[in-house]
């Protein structure tokens, strides 16, 4: 229960002033609270009282007490060492002592200045009342600010400090170790059991971390199912041993929920050992690496992590792509697609290439970086525009790769319509080869856009059929004109029985659906002859012709058959 008193500290070596203020205080009540005066005759006693009492409302300091420098040192101690910005500091002095300069008052946050004759029983009430009113207002503001700060830096479910608080802590000087802990399959628990059940799991997990590691490490709850342990221990081998223990203890522990149910959990860990500078991001990289290998795994950050190398490569190639656009070095190459029935080039696939330092690079080197840096749609737009320009020079068909990232761009449809009209190209001469990084079989918006393209006159093909997300289910969801079998099956079709079976099955299925089939990666005569034998309709590959910046009209010539 809060005491109904106001504490006043008087620092003065004159007994008379102590007596005057003590006597006056007995008859003063401010907002129904009485005054209690704490007395100090020197700076050391004052410091002790200030350390013991954190709620002193008003501090009177006699600047004639000893030397003015000592009094300023005491004020500095209050404001800086104790970080007490609430107590109202009032200087008292005789008329012979000049008032401190404005810069001194500002620097030391001195709140008032009174002469001795203003400190009597009659005038003291107004002095103290004004100071206490200021103190109350500042105290309310601080409490309100502290409450907001606590809310901002505390996880609502577990009441542990959150990511914002962790950012503050890791900003301190010196090396630190950080362990990110991600509860495996938590989202499944949440979806299956409900959010209330999930919150119970999080609270039980938080209590386990506090009980097990709270004495040696700081515990944080960053988001949803990710917790963190922060350690300032300078012995990496100690933390490394602790990591192994954490995994084992989590796996062995029975987590008791509010309902009384007991469950077992596992977790993936991302670790940074004894490092400084951006350790949260490094720990996140390590956690992502651990997840690549399944549940209940741990990974420690190093520059050799696959994910770190990927990020570095993406950063490098992102800059190279921007430079290539500026220098018009994002190039369009064309590879013939050969009609195995008519024995002629039927169409060309447009393939992007990037020229850097005089060398030509395939998408293998830069496509992930283009996606990472948000330049993937810019590449598509350039390619589509160049395809339309190329189509103006002959009567062949053209195919162009399109990903779900391109299709999801809000400018996709308008760009296609504008470009095709400006170039005056029949849409039926252009086929979109759908590339999928993630399945679009359940994305109704993308399906609608592709079907709208088909209705407009464009053709749709499924690229890399049989691998990744391109599969039989797509045939039922999209209006398909053609299937292109994934090259991994074609490359080994003459030597691998499984590749033969898969390829034959796809061709048989497609023909029953009335769809022609393209076999890509045809790199030898043996493969070329075999895909004809099993019924492919088109062939594409380096045996026929490699991609060139110009349209190859005479396939199978030596100049067009570099090794793949």
Protein backbone atom coordinates (compact mmCIF):
# COMPACT_ATOMS: atom_id res chain seq x y z
CA UNK A 1 0.00 0.00 0.00
CA UNK A 2 1.40 3.42 -0.98
CA UNK A 3 2.42 5.64 1.98
CA UNK A 4 0.51 8.91 2.29
CA UNK A 5 3.60 11.08 2.69
CA UNK A 6 5.84 13.35 0.65
CA UNK A 7 9.57 13.00 1.30
CA UNK A 8 11.68 16.15 1.40
CA UNK A 9 15.49 16.05 1.57
CA UNK A 10 17.35 19.03 3.04
CA UNK A 11 21.10 19.16 2.48
CA UNK A 12 22.39 22.03 4.64
CA UNK A 13 25.06 22.39 7.33
CA UNK A 14 23.12 25.12 9.12
CA UNK A 15 21.06 23.79 12.06
CA UNK A 16 18.70 26.79 11.95
CA UNK A 17 17.42 25.99 8.45
CA UNK A 18 16.90 22.34 9.39
CA UNK A 19 14.83 23.46 12.36
CA UNK A 20 12.77 25.93 10.31
CA UNK A 21 11.86 23.43 7.60
CA UNK A 22 11.19 20.62 10.08
CA UNK A 23 8.83 22.82 12.07
CA UNK A 24 7.05 24.17 8.98
CA UNK A 25 6.64 20.70 7.49
CA UNK A 26 4.63 19.51 10.48
CA UNK A 27 1.76 21.78 9.49
CA UNK A 28 1.87 21.28 5.72
CA UNK A 29 -0.33 18.77 3.85
CA UNK A 30 -0.23 18.50 0.06
CA UNK A 31 -3.16 16.53 -1.48
CA UNK A 32 -3.86 15.05 1.95
CA UNK A 33 -0.31 13.81 2.38
CA UNK A 34 1.98 15.05 5.12
CA UNK A 35 5.61 16.01 4.68
CA UNK A 36 8.52 13.98 6.05
CA UNK A 37 11.86 15.77 6.10
CA UNK A 38 15.12 13.84 5.66
CA UNK A 39 18.17 15.72 6.97
CA UNK A 40 21.75 15.68 5.66
CA UNK A 41 24.59 18.03 6.61
CA UNK A 42 27.11 16.77 4.04
CA UNK A 43 27.18 15.23 0.58
CA UNK A 44 28.06 11.72 1.75
CA UNK A 45 25.07 11.54 4.07
CA UNK A 46 22.88 12.91 1.29
CA UNK A 47 24.08 10.20 -1.11
CA UNK A 48 23.23 7.50 1.40
CA UNK A 49 19.72 8.88 1.90
CA UNK A 50 19.18 9.19 -1.86
CA UNK A 51 20.24 5.57 -2.36
CA UNK A 52 17.87 4.41 0.39
CA UNK A 53 14.89 6.55 -0.60
CA UNK A 54 14.02 6.51 -4.32
CA UNK A 55 10.84 8.56 -3.89
CA UNK A 56 12.16 11.87 -2.60
CA UNK A 57 9.93 14.52 -4.11
CA UNK A 58 11.97 17.66 -3.35
CA UNK A 59 15.67 18.09 -2.66
CA UNK A 60 16.88 21.36 -1.11
CA UNK A 61 20.61 22.00 -1.51
CA UNK A 62 22.41 24.86 0.20
CA UNK A 63 25.03 26.11 -2.27
CA UNK A 64 26.92 27.69 0.59
CA UNK A 65 27.15 24.26 2.24
CA UNK A 66 30.82 23.74 1.43
CA UNK A 67 32.14 24.51 -2.05
CA UNK A 68 29.93 25.03 -5.11
CA UNK A 69 31.84 22.37 -7.09
CA UNK A 70 30.92 19.73 -4.52
CA UNK A 71 27.27 20.69 -4.76
CA UNK A 72 27.36 20.38 -8.54
CA UNK A 73 29.03 16.99 -8.16
CA UNK A 74 26.17 15.93 -5.88
CA UNK A 75 23.57 17.11 -8.39
CA UNK A 76 25.44 15.23 -11.13
CA UNK A 77 25.32 12.15 -8.90
CA UNK A 78 21.54 12.49 -8.52
CA UNK A 79 20.79 13.05 -12.21
CA UNK A 80 23.38 10.77 -13.80
CA UNK A 81 24.61 8.11 -11.39
CA UNK A 82 21.21 7.49 -9.82
CA UNK A 83 19.36 8.41 -13.05
CA UNK A 84 16.87 10.26 -10.85
CA UNK A 85 15.21 12.85 -13.06
CA UNK A 86 12.09 13.14 -10.90
CA UNK A 87 13.15 14.79 -7.66
CA UNK A 88 12.82 18.57 -7.88
CA UNK A 89 16.13 20.21 -7.01
CA UNK A 90 15.90 23.62 -5.34
CA UNK A 91 19.05 25.57 -4.55
CA UNK A 92 19.03 27.84 -1.48
CA UNK A 93 21.60 30.55 -0.76
CA UNK A 94 22.15 33.90 0.88
CA UNK A 95 21.79 37.11 -1.12
CA UNK A 96 25.56 37.44 -1.25
CA UNK A 97 25.83 34.35 -3.44
CA UNK A 98 24.99 34.84 -7.09
CA UNK A 99 22.45 32.64 -8.84
CA UNK A 100 24.14 29.95 -11.01
CA UNK A 101 24.53 30.75 -14.69
CA UNK A 102 21.80 29.57 -17.07
CA UNK A 103 24.05 26.97 -18.70
CA UNK A 104 24.69 25.43 -15.26
CA UNK A 105 20.96 25.32 -14.48
CA UNK A 106 20.26 23.73 -17.87
CA UNK A 107 23.12 21.22 -17.72
CA UNK A 108 22.31 19.96 -14.23
CA UNK A 109 18.51 20.26 -14.51
CA UNK A 110 18.18 22.54 -11.51
CA UNK A 111 14.51 23.34 -11.00
CA UNK A 112 14.42 26.42 -8.73
CA UNK A 113 16.54 28.88 -6.75
CA UNK A 114 15.54 30.46 -3.44
CA UNK A 115 17.18 32.85 -1.00
CA UNK A 116 17.25 32.17 2.73
CA UNK A 117 14.57 34.73 3.54
CA UNK A 118 12.14 32.86 1.27
CA UNK A 119 12.52 29.73 3.39
CA UNK A 120 10.28 30.48 6.37
CA UNK A 121 7.14 28.91 7.76
CA UNK A 122 4.84 31.21 5.80
CA UNK A 123 6.51 31.13 2.36
CA UNK A 124 7.61 27.50 2.44
CA UNK A 125 4.14 26.11 1.66
CA UNK A 126 4.02 27.65 -1.83
CA UNK A 127 7.59 26.64 -2.61
CA UNK A 128 7.02 23.01 -1.64
CA UNK A 129 3.52 22.85 -3.14
CA UNK A 130 4.79 24.01 -6.56
CA UNK A 131 7.73 21.61 -6.48
CA UNK A 132 5.58 18.61 -5.43
CA UNK A 133 3.02 19.40 -8.12
CA UNK A 134 5.82 19.29 -10.72
CA UNK A 135 7.17 16.08 -9.19
CA UNK A 136 3.71 14.45 -9.35
CA UNK A 137 3.23 15.38 -12.99
CA UNK A 138 6.67 14.09 -14.00
CA UNK A 139 6.13 10.92 -11.95
CA UNK A 140 2.81 10.21 -13.68
CA UNK A 141 4.41 10.80 -17.10
CA UNK A 142 7.29 8.48 -16.23
CA UNK A 143 4.96 5.76 -14.96
CA UNK A 144 2.86 6.07 -18.10
CA UNK A 145 5.97 5.99 -20.29
CA UNK A 146 7.34 3.01 -18.35
CA UNK A 147 4.05 1.15 -18.79
CA UNK A 148 4.09 1.80 -22.54
CA UNK A 149 7.75 0.79 -22.75
CA UNK A 150 7.05 -2.42 -20.83
CA UNK A 151 4.14 -3.21 -23.13
CA UNK A 152 6.30 -2.58 -26.18
CA UNK A 153 9.18 -4.73 -24.93
CA UNK A 154 7.20 -7.62 -23.42
CA UNK A 155 5.58 -10.58 -25.15
CA UNK A 156 1.87 -10.50 -24.41
CA UNK A 157 1.47 -14.27 -24.00
CA UNK A 158 4.50 -15.25 -21.90
CA UNK A 159 5.39 -11.86 -20.36
CA UNK A 160 9.00 -12.46 -21.37
CA UNK A 161 11.04 -9.63 -22.91
CA UNK A 162 10.49 -9.58 -26.67
CA UNK A 163 12.55 -8.91 -29.80
CA UNK A 164 12.67 -5.16 -29.21
CA UNK A 165 14.20 -5.74 -25.78
CA UNK A 166 16.68 -8.22 -27.24
CA UNK A 167 17.74 -5.61 -29.79
CA UNK A 168 18.50 -3.24 -26.90
CA UNK A 169 20.52 -5.87 -25.03
CA UNK A 170 22.64 -7.02 -27.96
CA UNK A 171 23.48 -3.40 -28.73
CA UNK A 172 25.75 -3.36 -25.68
CA UNK A 173 29.51 -3.51 -26.07
CA UNK A 174 31.35 -6.82 -26.14
CA UNK A 175 30.97 -10.31 -27.55
CA UNK A 176 27.86 -12.32 -26.80
CA UNK A 177 26.38 -15.71 -27.54
CA UNK A 178 22.79 -16.02 -28.76
CA UNK A 179 20.68 -19.16 -29.08
CA UNK A 180 17.42 -19.01 -31.04
CA UNK A 181 15.01 -21.83 -30.16
CA UNK A 182 12.18 -22.66 -32.55
CA UNK A 183 9.52 -25.10 -31.29
CA UNK A 184 9.07 -27.76 -33.97
CA UNK A 185 5.58 -28.14 -35.48
CA UNK A 186 4.06 -25.49 -33.22
CA UNK A 187 1.82 -24.22 -36.03
CA UNK A 188 0.31 -27.70 -36.34
CA UNK A 189 -0.53 -27.68 -32.62
CA UNK A 190 -2.08 -24.24 -32.98
CA UNK A 191 -4.13 -25.23 -36.03
CA UNK A 192 -5.27 -28.55 -34.58
CA UNK A 193 -5.84 -27.61 -30.93
CA UNK A 194 -6.58 -23.90 -31.15
CA UNK A 195 -4.87 -20.68 -30.07
CA UNK A 196 -5.70 -21.05 -26.38
CA UNK A 197 -4.00 -24.45 -26.33
CA UNK A 198 -1.04 -22.99 -28.24
CA UNK A 199 -0.70 -20.14 -25.73
CA UNK A 200 -0.59 -22.73 -22.94
CA UNK A 201 2.25 -24.51 -24.73
CA UNK A 202 4.16 -21.25 -25.11
CA UNK A 203 3.77 -20.38 -21.42
CA UNK A 204 4.91 -23.84 -20.36
CA UNK A 205 7.92 -23.62 -22.68
CA UNK A 206 8.78 -20.13 -21.38
CA UNK A 207 8.66 -21.34 -17.78
CA UNK A 208 10.90 -24.29 -18.67
CA UNK A 209 13.51 -21.95 -20.15
CA UNK A 210 13.37 -19.62 -17.14
CA UNK A 211 13.68 -22.48 -14.65
CA UNK A 212 16.46 -24.22 -16.57
CA UNK A 213 18.57 -21.34 -17.88
CA UNK A 214 17.27 -18.11 -16.34
CA UNK A 215 20.12 -17.84 -13.82
CA UNK A 216 22.92 -17.92 -16.39
CA UNK A 217 21.20 -16.52 -19.47
CA UNK A 218 18.60 -13.91 -20.33
CA UNK A 219 15.41 -15.44 -21.75
CA UNK A 220 13.38 -13.76 -24.52
CA UNK A 221 10.25 -14.62 -26.49
CA UNK A 222 10.75 -13.11 -29.93
CA UNK A 223 7.66 -14.16 -31.86
CA UNK A 224 5.14 -16.96 -32.00
CA UNK A 225 7.21 -20.14 -31.56
CA UNK A 226 10.71 -18.60 -31.40
CA UNK A 227 12.52 -17.98 -28.12
CA UNK A 228 16.06 -16.75 -27.42
CA UNK A 229 18.74 -17.20 -24.80
CA UNK A 230 21.36 -14.46 -24.52
CA UNK A 231 24.64 -15.14 -22.78
CA UNK A 232 27.54 -12.80 -22.04
CA UNK A 233 29.79 -15.74 -21.11
CA UNK A 234 33.16 -15.43 -22.87
CA UNK A 235 33.86 -19.16 -22.99
CA UNK A 236 32.41 -20.51 -26.29
CA UNK A 237 33.02 -24.13 -25.32
CA UNK A 238 30.79 -23.70 -22.25
CA UNK A 239 27.95 -22.33 -24.38
CA UNK A 240 28.57 -25.03 -27.01
CA UNK A 241 28.16 -27.72 -24.35
CA UNK A 242 25.04 -25.98 -23.10
CA UNK A 243 23.53 -26.13 -26.62
CA UNK A 244 23.73 -29.93 -26.63
CA UNK A 245 22.15 -29.99 -23.19
CA UNK A 246 19.31 -27.67 -24.28
CA UNK A 247 18.31 -29.95 -27.15
CA UNK A 248 18.36 -33.04 -24.95
CA UNK A 249 16.53 -31.41 -22.06
CA UNK A 250 13.77 -30.05 -24.29
CA UNK A 251 13.30 -33.49 -25.83
CA UNK A 252 13.19 -35.25 -22.45
CA UNK A 253 11.07 -32.71 -20.60
CA UNK A 254 7.35 -33.21 -20.00
CA UNK A 255 5.61 -29.89 -20.51
CA UNK A 256 2.54 -29.61 -18.30
CA UNK A 257 -0.25 -27.45 -19.66
CA UNK A 258 -2.89 -25.55 -17.64
CA UNK A 259 -5.37 -28.34 -18.41
CA UNK A 260 -3.07 -30.85 -16.71
CA UNK A 261 -2.12 -32.51 -19.99
CA UNK A 262 1.56 -33.37 -20.42
CA UNK A 263 3.22 -33.22 -23.82
CA UNK A 264 6.68 -33.67 -25.32
CA UNK A 265 8.27 -31.15 -27.68
CA UNK A 266 11.38 -30.84 -29.82
CA UNK A 267 13.07 -27.69 -31.05
CA UNK A 268 15.48 -26.47 -33.72
CA UNK A 269 18.33 -24.22 -32.62
CA UNK A 270 20.27 -21.47 -34.38
CA UNK A 271 23.40 -20.40 -32.52
CA UNK A 272 25.93 -17.59 -32.57
CA UNK A 273 28.96 -18.13 -30.34
CA UNK A 274 30.93 -15.28 -28.79
CA UNK A 275 30.43 -12.72 -31.56
CA UNK A 276 29.67 -9.04 -31.85
CA UNK A 277 27.66 -7.17 -34.45
CA UNK A 278 24.27 -8.15 -35.85
CA UNK A 279 24.15 -11.42 -33.94
CA UNK A 280 20.35 -11.72 -34.23
CA UNK A 281 20.52 -11.93 -38.02
CA UNK A 282 23.41 -14.39 -37.79
CA UNK A 283 21.43 -16.58 -35.40
CA UNK A 284 18.44 -16.44 -37.77
CA UNK A 285 20.67 -17.62 -40.62
CA UNK A 286 21.86 -20.50 -38.44
CA UNK A 287 18.27 -21.39 -37.50
CA UNK A 288 17.23 -21.48 -41.16
CA UNK A 289 20.18 -23.75 -41.88
CA UNK A 290 19.15 -26.08 -39.02
CA UNK A 291 15.61 -26.32 -40.40
CA UNK A 292 16.94 -27.46 -43.77
CA UNK A 293 17.92 -30.74 -42.14
CA UNK A 294 14.58 -31.42 -40.48
CA UNK A 295 13.33 -31.15 -36.93
CA UNK A 296 15.31 -31.25 -33.69
CA UNK A 297 18.51 -29.96 -35.28
CA UNK A 298 21.00 -27.28 -34.30
CA UNK A 299 23.31 -25.18 -36.45
CA UNK A 300 26.03 -22.74 -35.39
CA UNK A 301 26.67 -19.66 -37.47
CA UNK A 302 29.73 -19.48 -39.68
CA UNK A 303 30.51 -17.91 -43.04
CA UNK A 304 30.52 -21.44 -44.52
CA UNK A 305 26.83 -22.08 -43.92
CA UNK A 306 25.01 -22.85 -47.17
CA UNK A 307 22.40 -20.22 -46.49
CA UNK A 308 25.06 -17.58 -45.79
CA UNK A 309 26.85 -18.39 -49.03
CA UNK A 310 23.51 -18.15 -50.84
CA UNK A 311 22.78 -14.74 -49.34
CA UNK A 312 26.25 -13.48 -50.23
CA UNK A 313 25.82 -14.78 -53.77
CA UNK A 314 22.40 -13.14 -54.06
CA UNK A 315 23.79 -9.82 -52.86
CA UNK A 316 26.64 -10.06 -55.39
CA UNK A 317 24.42 -10.98 -58.33
CA UNK A 318 21.71 -8.47 -57.42
CA UNK A 319 24.19 -5.69 -58.09
CA UNK A 320 25.36 -7.34 -61.29
CA UNK A 321 21.77 -7.60 -62.57
CA UNK A 322 21.16 -3.90 -61.93
CA UNK A 323 24.39 -3.06 -63.73
CA UNK A 324 23.43 -5.35 -66.63
CA UNK A 325 20.10 -3.54 -67.03
CA UNK A 326 21.88 -0.19 -67.06
CA UNK A 327 24.33 -1.37 -69.73
CA UNK A 328 21.70 -3.34 -71.72
CA UNK A 329 23.50 -6.59 -70.93
CA UNK A 330 20.38 -8.57 -70.01
CA UNK A 331 20.16 -10.57 -73.23
CA UNK A 332 17.57 -12.73 -74.98
CA UNK A 333 18.81 -15.97 -76.54
CA UNK A 334 16.65 -18.29 -78.66
CA UNK A 335 16.79 -22.09 -78.84
CA UNK A 336 14.91 -23.96 -81.60
CA UNK A 337 12.16 -26.44 -80.72
CA UNK A 338 12.14 -29.09 -83.44
CA UNK A 339 8.93 -30.70 -84.75
CA UNK A 340 9.67 -34.45 -84.85
CA UNK A 341 6.75 -35.11 -87.22
CA UNK A 342 7.30 -32.34 -89.76
CA UNK A 343 11.12 -32.46 -89.43
CA UNK A 344 11.48 -28.69 -89.08
CA UNK A 345 11.90 -25.93 -86.52
CA UNK A 346 8.42 -25.16 -85.24
CA UNK A 347 9.12 -22.58 -82.55
CA UNK A 348 11.79 -20.95 -80.42
CA UNK A 349 12.14 -20.75 -76.66
CA UNK A 350 13.36 -17.38 -75.38
CA UNK A 351 16.05 -17.83 -72.72
CA UNK A 352 17.55 -15.06 -70.61
CA UNK A 353 21.30 -14.55 -70.41
CA UNK A 354 23.37 -11.99 -68.53
CA UNK A 355 26.59 -10.51 -69.83
CA UNK A 356 29.09 -9.48 -67.18
CA UNK A 357 32.76 -8.62 -67.68
CA UNK A 358 32.61 -10.03 -71.17
CA UNK A 359 31.25 -13.43 -70.07
CA UNK A 360 27.74 -14.82 -70.72
CA UNK A 361 25.95 -16.30 -67.70
CA UNK A 362 22.89 -18.58 -67.63
CA UNK A 363 20.00 -18.12 -65.16
CA UNK A 364 21.58 -20.77 -62.92
CA UNK A 365 23.90 -18.04 -61.64
CA UNK A 366 21.49 -15.13 -61.17
CA UNK A 367 17.83 -16.22 -61.13
CA UNK A 368 17.66 -16.62 -57.33
CA UNK A 369 19.29 -13.21 -56.95
CA UNK A 370 16.72 -11.68 -59.31
CA UNK A 371 13.95 -13.10 -57.16
CA UNK A 372 15.73 -12.06 -53.95
CA UNK A 373 16.16 -8.47 -55.15
CA UNK A 374 12.72 -8.03 -56.72
CA UNK A 375 14.04 -7.84 -60.30
CA UNK A 376 12.41 -11.03 -61.60
CA UNK A 377 9.44 -9.24 -63.21
CA UNK A 378 11.75 -6.68 -64.84
CA UNK A 379 13.55 -9.57 -66.53
CA UNK A 380 10.24 -11.06 -67.69
CA UNK A 381 9.11 -7.73 -69.17
CA UNK A 382 12.33 -7.35 -71.13
CA UNK A 383 12.11 -10.94 -72.38
CA UNK A 384 8.46 -10.64 -73.43
CA UNK A 385 9.08 -7.39 -75.25
CA UNK A 386 12.04 -8.92 -77.14
CA UNK A 387 9.98 -12.02 -78.01
CA UNK A 388 7.27 -9.83 -79.53
CA UNK A 389 9.90 -7.92 -81.53
CA UNK A 390 11.43 -11.20 -82.75
CA UNK A 391 7.99 -12.50 -83.75
CA UNK A 392 7.60 -9.53 -86.06
CA UNK A 393 10.49 -10.83 -88.21
CA UNK A 394 9.06 -14.28 -89.09
CA UNK A 395 6.01 -16.53 -88.78
CA UNK A 396 7.34 -18.97 -86.16
CA UNK A 397 5.91 -19.47 -82.68
CA UNK A 398 7.76 -18.47 -79.51
CA UNK A 399 7.73 -19.73 -75.93
CA UNK A 400 8.69 -17.75 -72.85
CA UNK A 401 9.06 -18.80 -69.22
CA UNK A 402 6.72 -17.23 -66.69
CA UNK A 403 6.75 -17.80 -62.93
CA UNK A 404 4.08 -17.28 -60.32
CA UNK A 405 6.08 -14.24 -59.15
CA UNK A 406 5.61 -12.65 -62.57
CA UNK A 407 1.92 -13.52 -62.68
CA UNK A 408 1.32 -12.10 -59.20
CA UNK A 409 2.77 -8.73 -60.13
CA UNK A 410 -0.12 -6.21 -60.26
CA UNK A 411 1.13 -4.87 -63.62
CA UNK A 412 1.36 -8.30 -65.30
CA UNK A 413 -1.92 -8.32 -67.23
CA UNK A 414 -1.80 -4.70 -68.33
CA UNK A 415 1.81 -5.08 -69.51
CA UNK A 416 0.95 -8.18 -71.59
CA UNK A 417 -2.06 -6.52 -73.21
CA UNK A 418 -0.24 -3.27 -73.98
CA UNK A 419 2.86 -4.96 -75.43
CA UNK A 420 0.98 -7.45 -77.62
CA UNK A 421 -1.15 -4.62 -79.09
CA UNK A 422 1.80 -2.29 -79.68
CA UNK A 423 3.73 -5.03 -81.51
CA UNK A 424 0.60 -6.26 -83.34
CA UNK A 425 1.40 -9.94 -82.69
CA UNK A 426 -1.19 -12.73 -82.81
CA UNK A 427 -1.31 -14.08 -79.23
CA UNK A 428 -1.59 -17.66 -80.53
CA UNK A 429 2.05 -17.47 -81.61
CA UNK A 430 3.24 -17.08 -78.03
CA UNK A 431 3.27 -19.86 -75.43
CA UNK A 432 3.78 -19.19 -71.72
CA UNK A 433 5.81 -21.97 -70.10
CA UNK A 434 4.69 -22.01 -66.48
CA UNK A 435 7.55 -22.34 -64.00
CA UNK A 436 6.62 -23.15 -60.42
CA UNK A 437 8.76 -22.56 -57.36
CA UNK A 438 5.74 -23.41 -55.24
CA UNK A 439 2.60 -25.16 -56.40
CA UNK A 440 -0.12 -23.01 -57.96
CA UNK A 441 -2.59 -25.88 -58.00
CA UNK A 442 -4.49 -24.29 -55.10
CA UNK A 443 -4.01 -20.66 -56.08
CA UNK A 444 -7.28 -19.74 -57.76
CA UNK A 445 -6.13 -16.22 -58.67
CA UNK A 446 -3.13 -17.46 -60.65
CA UNK A 447 -5.21 -20.17 -62.29
CA UNK A 448 -7.74 -17.54 -63.38
CA UNK A 449 -5.05 -15.27 -64.82
CA UNK A 450 -3.51 -18.12 -66.81
CA UNK A 451 -6.88 -19.26 -68.08
CA UNK A 452 -7.68 -15.64 -69.04
CA UNK A 453 -4.45 -15.55 -71.05
CA UNK A 454 -5.51 -18.77 -72.77
CA UNK A 455 -8.95 -17.34 -73.53
CA UNK A 456 -7.29 -14.25 -74.99
CA UNK A 457 -5.43 -16.48 -77.44
CA UNK A 458 -2.10 -17.26 -75.79
CA UNK A 459 -1.00 -20.86 -75.34
CA UNK A 460 -0.06 -22.39 -71.99
CA UNK A 461 2.55 -25.08 -71.41
CA UNK A 462 3.64 -26.80 -68.20
CA UNK A 463 7.44 -26.68 -67.97
CA UNK A 464 9.60 -29.27 -66.16
CA UNK A 465 6.66 -31.66 -66.06
CA UNK A 466 7.16 -34.53 -63.62
CA UNK A 467 9.44 -32.61 -61.24
CA UNK A 468 8.99 -30.10 -58.44
CA UNK A 469 5.40 -28.81 -58.46
CA UNK A 470 4.61 -29.49 -62.12
CA UNK A 471 2.50 -32.62 -62.11
CA UNK A 472 -0.65 -34.35 -63.31
CA UNK A 473 -2.90 -32.30 -61.02
CA UNK A 474 -2.16 -29.16 -63.03
CA UNK A 475 -3.75 -30.63 -66.14
CA UNK A 476 -7.16 -30.50 -64.47
CA UNK A 477 -6.76 -26.94 -63.17
CA UNK A 478 -5.39 -25.14 -66.22
CA UNK A 479 -6.18 -24.91 -69.90
CA UNK A 480 -3.00 -26.57 -71.18
CA UNK A 481 -1.77 -26.67 -74.79
CA UNK A 482 1.51 -28.53 -74.32
CA UNK A 483 3.67 -30.42 -71.82
CA UNK A 484 7.46 -30.14 -71.58
CA UNK A 485 9.03 -33.12 -69.82
CA UNK A 486 11.59 -32.24 -67.16
CA UNK A 487 15.12 -32.46 -68.55
CA UNK A 488 16.43 -34.63 -65.72
CA UNK A 489 14.43 -37.55 -67.16
CA UNK A 490 15.54 -36.90 -70.76
CA UNK A 491 19.24 -36.56 -69.95
CA UNK A 492 19.45 -40.10 -68.60
CA UNK A 493 16.70 -41.71 -70.64
CA UNK A 494 18.99 -44.05 -72.60
CA UNK A 495 20.70 -45.44 -69.48
CA UNK A 496 18.20 -45.20 -66.62
CA UNK A 497 15.18 -47.53 -66.57
CA UNK A 498 13.20 -45.31 -64.18
CA UNK A 499 13.65 -42.31 -66.51
CA UNK A 500 12.37 -44.41 -69.42
CA UNK A 501 9.28 -45.47 -67.45
CA UNK A 502 8.47 -41.94 -66.23
CA UNK A 503 8.95 -40.40 -69.67
CA UNK A 504 6.86 -43.04 -71.44
CA UNK A 505 4.11 -42.66 -68.83
CA UNK A 506 4.00 -38.86 -69.24
CA UNK A 507 3.87 -39.12 -73.05
CA UNK A 508 1.13 -41.75 -72.94
CA UNK A 509 -0.89 -39.67 -70.44
CA UNK A 510 -0.47 -36.44 -72.46
CA UNK A 511 -1.49 -38.05 -75.73
CA UNK A 512 -4.60 -39.50 -74.12
CA UNK A 513 -5.43 -35.93 -73.05
CA UNK A 514 -4.74 -34.72 -76.60
CA UNK A 515 -1.64 -32.74 -75.58
CA UNK A 516 1.65 -32.64 -77.53
CA UNK A 517 4.89 -33.31 -75.63
CA UNK A 518 8.28 -31.56 -75.83
CA UNK A 519 11.41 -33.43 -74.78
CA UNK A 520 14.09 -30.95 -73.70
CA UNK A 521 17.79 -31.53 -72.91
CA UNK A 522 18.22 -33.64 -76.03
CA UNK A 523 22.01 -33.63 -76.03
CA UNK A 524 22.94 -36.59 -78.25
CA UNK A 525 21.79 -38.55 -81.29
CA UNK A 526 21.00 -41.53 -79.03
CA UNK A 527 18.60 -39.45 -76.96
CA UNK A 528 17.16 -37.81 -80.08
CA UNK A 529 16.41 -41.19 -81.66
CA UNK A 530 14.95 -42.58 -78.43
CA UNK A 531 12.48 -39.73 -77.83
CA UNK A 532 11.25 -40.20 -81.41
CA UNK A 533 10.83 -43.91 -80.70
CA UNK A 534 8.69 -43.39 -77.58
CA UNK A 535 6.44 -40.82 -79.27
CA UNK A 536 7.59 -37.33 -78.28
CA UNK A 537 6.22 -34.64 -80.59
CA UNK A 538 8.98 -32.04 -80.25
CA UNK A 539 12.64 -32.06 -79.23
CA UNK A 540 14.85 -29.32 -77.86
CA UNK A 541 18.49 -29.43 -76.84
CA UNK A 542 22.11 -28.85 -77.73
CA UNK A 543 22.15 -31.77 -80.15
CA UNK A 544 19.74 -29.79 -82.31
CA UNK A 545 21.15 -26.31 -81.59
CA UNK A 546 22.40 -24.36 -78.63
CA UNK A 547 20.71 -21.07 -77.62
CA UNK A 548 21.88 -18.13 -79.72
CA UNK A 549 21.14 -14.39 -79.71
CA UNK A 550 19.90 -14.82 -83.29
CA UNK A 551 17.24 -17.24 -84.56
CA UNK A 552 18.82 -20.53 -85.70
CA UNK A 553 17.07 -21.62 -88.89
CA UNK A 554 19.27 -24.60 -89.82
CA UNK A 555 19.47 -27.09 -86.93
CA UNK A 556 21.91 -30.01 -86.65
CA UNK A 557 24.76 -28.01 -88.18
CA UNK A 558 28.10 -28.25 -86.39
CA UNK A 559 28.11 -24.56 -85.45
CA UNK A 560 24.85 -25.08 -83.57
CA UNK A 561 25.79 -28.24 -81.65
CA UNK A 562 28.28 -27.26 -78.95
CA UNK A 563 28.41 -29.76 -76.11
CA UNK A 564 25.75 -29.13 -73.45
